[in-house]
Protein backbone atom coordinates (compact mmCIF):
# COMPACT_ATOMS: atom_id res chain seq x y z
CA LEU A 1 22.42 -29.85 -21.32
CA ASP A 2 26.18 -29.43 -21.59
CA ILE A 3 27.13 -28.29 -18.09
CA ARG A 4 30.48 -26.59 -17.48
CA PHE A 5 31.80 -25.24 -14.20
CA LEU A 6 33.30 -21.79 -14.74
CA ASP A 7 33.89 -18.68 -12.67
CA SER A 8 30.88 -16.38 -12.93
CA GLU A 9 32.88 -13.72 -14.72
CA VAL A 10 34.12 -16.22 -17.37
CA ALA A 11 30.60 -17.61 -17.86
CA TYR A 12 29.27 -14.04 -18.14
CA ASN A 13 31.70 -13.36 -21.00
CA ASP A 14 30.96 -16.74 -22.64
CA VAL A 15 27.24 -15.90 -22.84
CA LEU A 16 28.05 -12.43 -24.18
CA GLN A 17 30.34 -13.95 -26.85
CA GLY A 18 27.89 -16.75 -27.75
CA ARG A 19 30.00 -19.64 -26.43
CA CYS A 20 27.25 -20.52 -23.89
CA GLU A 21 23.55 -19.87 -24.22
CA LEU A 22 22.78 -19.65 -20.49
CA ALA A 23 24.85 -19.26 -17.34
CA LEU A 24 23.87 -19.72 -13.71
CA ILE A 25 26.11 -17.21 -11.93
CA THR A 26 26.68 -14.49 -9.38
CA LEU A 27 24.96 -11.65 -11.22
CA SER A 28 26.96 -8.58 -12.13
CA PRO A 29 25.95 -5.38 -10.34
CA HIS A 30 26.31 -3.61 -13.72
CA HIS A 31 23.81 -3.85 -16.57
CA VAL A 32 25.08 -5.05 -19.95
CA GLU A 33 22.89 -4.06 -22.90
CA HIS A 34 22.71 -7.41 -24.72
CA LEU A 35 22.26 -9.64 -21.66
CA GLU A 36 19.15 -10.42 -19.68
CA SER A 37 19.82 -11.13 -16.00
CA VAL A 38 17.23 -12.97 -13.94
CA LYS A 39 17.65 -13.10 -10.16
CA VAL A 40 16.76 -16.51 -8.74
CA TRP A 41 17.87 -16.00 -5.14
CA GLN A 42 19.76 -13.69 -2.82
CA ASP A 43 22.89 -15.10 -1.19
CA ASP A 44 23.71 -13.41 2.12
CA LEU A 45 27.41 -12.84 2.74
CA ILE A 46 28.97 -12.81 6.22
CA PHE A 47 32.37 -12.08 7.70
CA VAL A 48 33.93 -15.20 9.22
CA ALA A 49 36.99 -16.35 11.15
CA ALA A 50 38.15 -19.47 12.98
CA PRO A 51 36.76 -19.87 16.52
CA GLU A 52 40.24 -19.23 18.00
CA HIS A 53 41.01 -16.19 15.79
CA PRO A 54 41.45 -12.92 17.78
CA LEU A 55 38.53 -11.32 15.89
CA SER A 56 36.21 -14.12 17.03
CA GLN A 57 36.73 -13.06 20.63
CA LYS A 58 35.59 -9.46 20.02
CA LYS A 59 32.11 -8.02 20.23
CA HIS A 60 30.99 -5.46 17.66
CA ILE A 61 33.80 -5.64 15.15
CA SER A 62 34.37 -2.68 12.84
CA LEU A 63 35.75 -2.57 9.32
CA GLN A 64 38.82 -0.92 10.84
CA ASP A 65 39.28 -3.99 13.10
CA LEU A 66 39.07 -6.26 10.06
CA SER A 67 41.58 -4.21 8.10
CA GLU A 68 44.17 -4.76 10.84
CA HIS A 69 44.17 -8.55 10.32
CA PRO A 70 45.11 -10.66 7.27
CA ALA A 71 42.24 -11.69 5.01
CA VAL A 72 41.70 -14.27 2.28
CA PHE A 73 39.35 -12.99 -0.40
CA PRO A 74 37.64 -14.32 -3.49
CA GLY A 75 39.55 -13.47 -6.69
CA SER A 76 40.01 -9.74 -7.15
CA GLN A 77 37.99 -9.68 -10.38
CA THR A 78 35.01 -11.60 -8.98
CA PHE A 79 31.69 -9.91 -8.36
CA THR A 80 31.75 -11.24 -4.78
CA SER A 81 35.12 -9.64 -4.05
CA LYS A 82 34.01 -6.35 -5.60
CA ILE A 83 30.94 -6.27 -3.32
CA ALA A 84 33.10 -6.64 -0.20
CA LEU A 85 35.84 -4.28 -1.42
CA LYS A 86 33.26 -1.56 -2.12
CA LEU A 87 32.21 -1.71 1.53
CA PHE A 88 35.80 -1.01 2.59
CA ALA A 89 36.34 1.65 -0.09
CA ASP A 90 33.18 3.49 1.02
CA ALA A 91 34.68 3.59 4.54
CA LYS A 92 38.05 4.74 3.09
CA LEU A 93 39.72 1.56 4.34
CA THR A 94 41.76 -1.15 2.65
CA PRO A 95 41.53 -4.74 3.85
CA ASN A 96 44.83 -6.55 4.46
CA ILE A 97 44.33 -9.22 1.78
CA SER A 98 47.11 -11.78 2.00
CA MET A 99 45.70 -14.07 -0.70
CA HIS A 100 42.99 -14.34 -3.36
CA THR A 101 41.39 -17.54 -4.63
CA ASN A 102 38.24 -18.19 -6.64
CA TYR A 103 37.42 -21.36 -4.70
CA MET A 104 35.10 -20.74 -1.76
CA GLU A 105 35.93 -24.13 -0.18
CA THR A 106 39.64 -23.20 -0.21
CA ILE A 107 38.84 -19.88 1.46
CA LYS A 108 36.75 -21.69 4.07
CA MET A 109 39.56 -24.15 4.81
CA MET A 110 42.17 -21.38 5.15
CA VAL A 111 39.90 -19.41 7.48
CA SER A 112 39.01 -22.50 9.53
CA ILE A 113 42.68 -23.16 10.37
CA GLY A 114 43.13 -19.58 11.54
CA LEU A 115 45.19 -18.12 8.69
CA ALA A 116 42.85 -15.21 8.06
CA TRP A 117 39.29 -13.89 8.14
CA SER A 118 37.09 -13.68 5.04
CA VAL A 119 33.67 -13.00 3.60
CA LEU A 120 31.68 -16.09 2.60
CA PRO A 121 28.08 -17.03 1.83
CA ARG A 122 26.07 -17.63 5.01
CA THR A 123 25.25 -21.12 3.71
CA MET A 124 28.90 -22.11 4.27
CA LEU A 125 28.78 -21.34 8.01
CA ASP A 126 29.35 -24.42 10.17
CA GLU A 127 31.19 -25.43 13.37
CA GLU A 128 34.58 -24.70 11.74
CA LEU A 129 33.76 -20.99 11.37
CA VAL A 130 32.45 -18.18 13.53
CA GLU A 131 30.33 -15.38 12.12
CA LEU A 132 31.97 -12.12 13.15
CA ASP A 133 29.73 -9.65 14.98
CA MET A 134 29.40 -6.81 12.46
CA PRO A 135 26.44 -4.70 13.56
CA HIS A 136 24.76 -2.63 10.86
CA ILE A 137 26.61 -4.35 8.01
CA GLN A 138 24.63 -6.51 5.63
CA LEU A 139 26.14 -7.85 2.43
CA SER A 140 24.58 -10.05 -0.19
CA ARG A 141 24.99 -11.04 -3.78
CA ASP A 142 22.34 -11.90 -6.30
CA LEU A 143 22.52 -15.32 -7.90
CA GLY A 144 20.63 -16.18 -11.02
CA TYR A 145 21.01 -16.72 -14.71
CA ILE A 146 21.87 -14.72 -17.77
CA VAL A 147 21.03 -15.19 -21.44
CA HIS A 148 21.85 -13.17 -24.54
CA LYS A 149 18.77 -11.19 -25.60
CA GLU A 150 19.55 -11.51 -29.32
CA ARG A 151 20.07 -15.27 -29.51
CA THR A 152 17.56 -18.09 -29.83
CA LEU A 153 17.66 -20.55 -26.96
CA SER A 154 17.45 -24.33 -27.21
CA ASN A 155 14.52 -26.28 -25.80
CA ALA A 156 16.81 -27.53 -23.02
CA ALA A 157 17.77 -23.98 -22.03
CA ASN A 158 14.12 -22.87 -22.04
CA ALA A 159 13.11 -25.86 -19.90
CA PHE A 160 15.95 -25.14 -17.47
CA MET A 161 14.85 -21.48 -17.21
CA ARG A 162 11.29 -22.60 -16.42
CA LEU A 163 12.61 -24.78 -13.58
CA LEU A 164 14.68 -21.88 -12.27
CA SER A 165 11.67 -19.53 -12.39
CA GLU A 166 9.90 -21.90 -9.98
CA LEU A 167 12.76 -21.30 -7.50
CA SER A 168 12.87 -17.52 -7.86
CA CYS A 169 12.66 -15.34 -4.78
């Protein structure tokens, strides 16, 4: 296997254009005719802040509360960002995004030093972050792989897909 680390959206386009035969990505919420998407697992997303951040001291935080404080978000074109932004748009609110970056570890570091709040995968929660109390709000993204339906896959890609199918939810 030739493994490359790309943003999900870039890998998505590379499979569509034939530059990659398979991509393990955050799956797009929109169906594309020539691509087959296979969900392998669900990644729960949570709102987080530093333990000393003012939001961490509140019980039952609302989207309005979040929108009043600076946020660091995944890149604006990422599927993860779009999932969170839709939540705010549905509530007719706009988060106060002070910065975007595609690197989750960078977001985590910026949040952990108190610069902002953010939305991150639950798996990144540790003692440096506090999950914000957001009753009745559940966010997640689907992670899995995509292949082009009209292209023949290599033996390596087929073997990798078999391994992934053993992990599927």
